[in-house]
Amino acid sequence: MDNINLVFEALSSTPRRKILNYLSATSLTAGEIAERFEMSKPAMSKHLKILQTANLINGEKKGQFMHYSLNRDNLVTSLHDFTANLCPVGSVLKKESKKMADDNEGS
């Protein structure tokens, strides 16, 4: 499955969109995220794994806790690539951009 499909699969769930919102301003531990939901730990772990697989969040082990943070670069890049491909002029602009990059390399 390509990255954009993973992103849309991840964003298709209300709990996962809420997790992204909680992580929008700060990193949180898995426990801090779980406190905000009424779901089992295995269900929360599954949601976090889907978000990590889509590369929308990063997980970092600090001591005995896993800390999660938003991967802003990937989210913006994935959505930009998607909209550029959907937009009627997007593919033309991407081709022009590629040509400019190729021309600059040749200079």
C-alpha atoms as a PDB file:
ATOM      1  CA  MET A   1       0.000   0.000   0.000  1.00  0.00           C
ATOM      2  CA  ASP A   2       1.475   3.367  -0.923  1.00  0.00           C
ATOM      3  CA  ASN A   3       1.976   6.116   1.637  1.00  0.00           C
ATOM      4  CA  ILE A   4      -1.040   8.237   0.685  1.00  0.00           C
ATOM      5  CA  ASN A   5      -3.367   5.245   1.089  1.00  0.00           C
ATOM      6  CA  LEU A   6      -1.873   4.566   4.511  1.00  0.00           C
ATOM      7  CA  VAL A   7      -2.436   8.217   5.443  1.00  0.00           C
ATOM      8  CA  PHE A   8      -6.077   8.150   4.348  1.00  0.00           C
ATOM      9  CA  GLU A   9      -6.663   4.834   6.095  1.00  0.00           C
ATOM     10  CA  ALA A  10      -5.230   6.349   9.276  1.00  0.00           C
ATOM     11  CA  LEU A  11      -7.313   9.522   8.925  1.00  0.00           C
ATOM     12  CA  SER A  12     -10.527   7.556   8.319  1.00  0.00           C
ATOM     13  CA  SER A  13     -10.940   6.891  12.040  1.00  0.00           C
ATOM     14  CA  THR A  14     -12.352   9.466  14.452  1.00  0.00           C
ATOM     15  CA  PRO A  15     -10.219   8.244  17.389  1.00  0.00           C
ATOM     16  CA  ARG A  16      -7.065   8.500  15.263  1.00  0.00           C
ATOM     17  CA  ARG A  17      -7.954  12.031  14.153  1.00  0.00           C
ATOM     18  CA  LYS A  18      -8.499  12.914  17.832  1.00  0.00           C
ATOM     19  CA  ILE A  19      -5.098  11.442  18.711  1.00  0.00           C
ATOM     20  CA  LEU A  20      -3.507  13.649  16.044  1.00  0.00           C
ATOM     21  CA  ASN A  21      -5.290  16.658  17.541  1.00  0.00           C
ATOM     22  CA  TYR A  22      -4.009  15.823  21.032  1.00  0.00           C
ATOM     23  CA  LEU A  23      -0.487  15.581  19.612  1.00  0.00           C
ATOM     24  CA  SER A  24      -0.782  18.832  17.649  1.00  0.00           C
ATOM     25  CA  ALA A  25       0.832  20.960  20.369  1.00  0.00           C
ATOM     26  CA  THR A  26       2.785  18.519  22.545  1.00  0.00           C
ATOM     27  CA  SER A  27       4.128  15.012  22.776  1.00  0.00           C
ATOM     28  CA  LEU A  28       2.275  12.602  25.034  1.00  0.00           C
ATOM     29  CA  THR A  29       2.897   9.158  26.437  1.00  0.00           C
ATOM     30  CA  ALA A  30       0.688   6.282  25.377  1.00  0.00           C
ATOM     31  CA  GLY A  31      -0.872   6.405  28.851  1.00  0.00           C
ATOM     32  CA  GLU A  32      -1.617  10.132  28.606  1.00  0.00           C
ATOM     33  CA  ILE A  33      -3.304   9.560  25.251  1.00  0.00           C
ATOM     34  CA  ALA A  34      -5.242   6.543  26.542  1.00  0.00           C
ATOM     35  CA  GLU A  35      -6.588   8.559  29.512  1.00  0.00           C
ATOM     36  CA  ARG A  36      -8.562  10.677  27.044  1.00  0.00           C
ATOM     37  CA  PHE A  37     -10.413   7.705  25.520  1.00  0.00           C
ATOM     38  CA  GLU A  38     -12.726   4.975  26.719  1.00  0.00           C
ATOM     39  CA  MET A  39     -11.108   2.036  24.961  1.00  0.00           C
ATOM     40  CA  SER A  40      -8.960  -0.934  25.840  1.00  0.00           C
ATOM     41  CA  LYS A  41      -5.176  -0.703  25.841  1.00  0.00           C
ATOM     42  CA  PRO A  42      -4.941  -3.155  22.906  1.00  0.00           C
ATOM     43  CA  ALA A  43      -7.364  -0.995  20.877  1.00  0.00           C
ATOM     44  CA  MET A  44      -5.339   2.141  21.685  1.00  0.00           C
ATOM     45  CA  SER A  45      -2.127   0.347  20.730  1.00  0.00           C
ATOM     46  CA  LYS A  46      -3.690  -0.613  17.396  1.00  0.00           C
ATOM     47  CA  HIS A  47      -4.644   3.008  16.653  1.00  0.00           C
ATOM     48  CA  LEU A  48      -1.148   4.239  17.540  1.00  0.00           C
ATOM     49  CA  LYS A  49       0.426   1.519  15.369  1.00  0.00           C
ATOM     50  CA  ILE A  50      -1.724   2.538  12.365  1.00  0.00           C
ATOM     51  CA  LEU A  51      -0.702   6.179  12.821  1.00  0.00           C
ATOM     52  CA  GLN A  52       2.963   5.169  13.056  1.00  0.00           C
ATOM     53  CA  THR A  53       2.720   2.909  10.001  1.00  0.00           C
ATOM     54  CA  ALA A  54       1.294   5.867   8.055  1.00  0.00           C
ATOM     55  CA  ASN A  55       4.267   7.870   9.370  1.00  0.00           C
ATOM     56  CA  LEU A  56       1.923  10.488  10.864  1.00  0.00           C
ATOM     57  CA  ILE A  57       3.335  10.131  14.370  1.00  0.00           C
ATOM     58  CA  ASN A  58       6.710   9.256  15.843  1.00  0.00           C
ATOM     59  CA  GLY A  59       7.182   7.073  18.892  1.00  0.00           C
ATOM     60  CA  GLU A  60      10.233   7.371  21.108  1.00  0.00           C
ATOM     61  CA  LYS A  61      10.975   5.211  24.130  1.00  0.00           C
ATOM     62  CA  LYS A  62      12.084   7.348  27.094  1.00  0.00           C
ATOM     63  CA  GLY A  63      12.745   5.256  30.153  1.00  0.00           C
ATOM     64  CA  GLN A  64       9.793   2.951  30.616  1.00  0.00           C
ATOM     65  CA  PHE A  65       7.364   5.115  28.637  1.00  0.00           C
ATOM     66  CA  MET A  66       6.696   5.509  24.932  1.00  0.00           C
ATOM     67  CA  HIS A  67       6.303   9.165  23.938  1.00  0.00           C
ATOM     68  CA  TYR A  68       4.396  10.044  20.769  1.00  0.00           C
ATOM     69  CA  SER A  69       4.629  13.213  18.722  1.00  0.00           C
ATOM     70  CA  LEU A  70       3.172  14.463  15.471  1.00  0.00           C
ATOM     71  CA  ASN A  71       5.288  13.977  12.349  1.00  0.00           C
ATOM     72  CA  ARG A  72       4.363  17.323  10.779  1.00  0.00           C
ATOM     73  CA  ASP A  73       6.646  17.005   7.755  1.00  0.00           C
ATOM     74  CA  ASN A  74       5.092  13.770   6.546  1.00  0.00           C
ATOM     75  CA  LEU A  75       1.496  14.911   7.031  1.00  0.00           C
ATOM     76  CA  VAL A  76       2.004  18.118   5.081  1.00  0.00           C
ATOM     77  CA  THR A  77       4.008  16.407   2.332  1.00  0.00           C
ATOM     78  CA  SER A  78       1.506  13.579   1.914  1.00  0.00           C
ATOM     79  CA  LEU A  79      -1.474  15.900   1.707  1.00  0.00           C
ATOM     80  CA  HIS A  80       0.340  18.257  -0.660  1.00  0.00           C
ATOM     81  CA  ASP A  81       1.285  15.400  -2.995  1.00  0.00           C
ATOM     82  CA  PHE A  82      -2.285  14.136  -2.932  1.00  0.00           C
ATOM     83  CA  THR A  83      -3.855  17.504  -3.735  1.00  0.00           C
ATOM     84  CA  ALA A  84      -1.259  18.212  -6.433  1.00  0.00           C
ATOM     85  CA  ASN A  85      -2.245  14.990  -8.161  1.00  0.00           C
ATOM     86  CA  LEU A  86      -5.966  15.705  -7.815  1.00  0.00           C
ATOM     87  CA  CYS A  87      -5.822  19.307  -8.955  1.00  0.00           C
ATOM     88  CA  PRO A  88      -6.336  19.577 -12.744  1.00  0.00           C
ATOM     89  CA  VAL A  89      -3.243  21.755 -13.114  1.00  0.00           C
ATOM     90  CA  GLY A  90      -1.291  19.932 -10.403  1.00  0.00           C
ATOM     91  CA  SER A  91       0.303  17.320 -12.637  1.00  0.00           C
ATOM     92  CA  VAL A  92       1.350  20.003 -15.133  1.00  0.00           C
ATOM     93  CA  LEU A  93       2.932  22.049 -12.348  1.00  0.00           C
ATOM     94  CA  LYS A  94       4.715  18.989 -10.947  1.00  0.00           C
ATOM     95  CA  LYS A  95       6.139  18.250 -14.421  1.00  0.00           C
ATOM     96  CA  GLU A  96       7.271  21.864 -14.752  1.00  0.00           C
ATOM     97  CA  SER A  97       8.877  21.710 -11.306  1.00  0.00           C
ATOM     98  CA  LYS A  98      10.694  18.487 -12.210  1.00  0.00           C
ATOM     99  CA  LYS A  99      11.929  20.074 -15.440  1.00  0.00           C
ATOM    100  CA  MET A 100      13.226  23.118 -13.512  1.00  0.00           C
ATOM    101  CA  ALA A 101      15.037  20.817 -11.077  1.00  0.00           C
ATOM    102  CA  ASP A 102      16.561  18.858 -13.969  1.00  0.00           C
ATOM    103  CA  ASP A 103      17.610  22.106 -15.698  1.00  0.00           C
ATOM    104  CA  ASN A 104      19.232  23.376 -12.489  1.00  0.00           C
ATOM    105  CA  GLU A 105      21.200  20.163 -12.117  1.00  0.00           C
ATOM    106  CA  GLY A 106      22.525  20.569 -15.640  1.00  0.00           C
ATOM    107  CA  SER A 107      23.714  24.130 -14.980  1.00  0.00           C
END
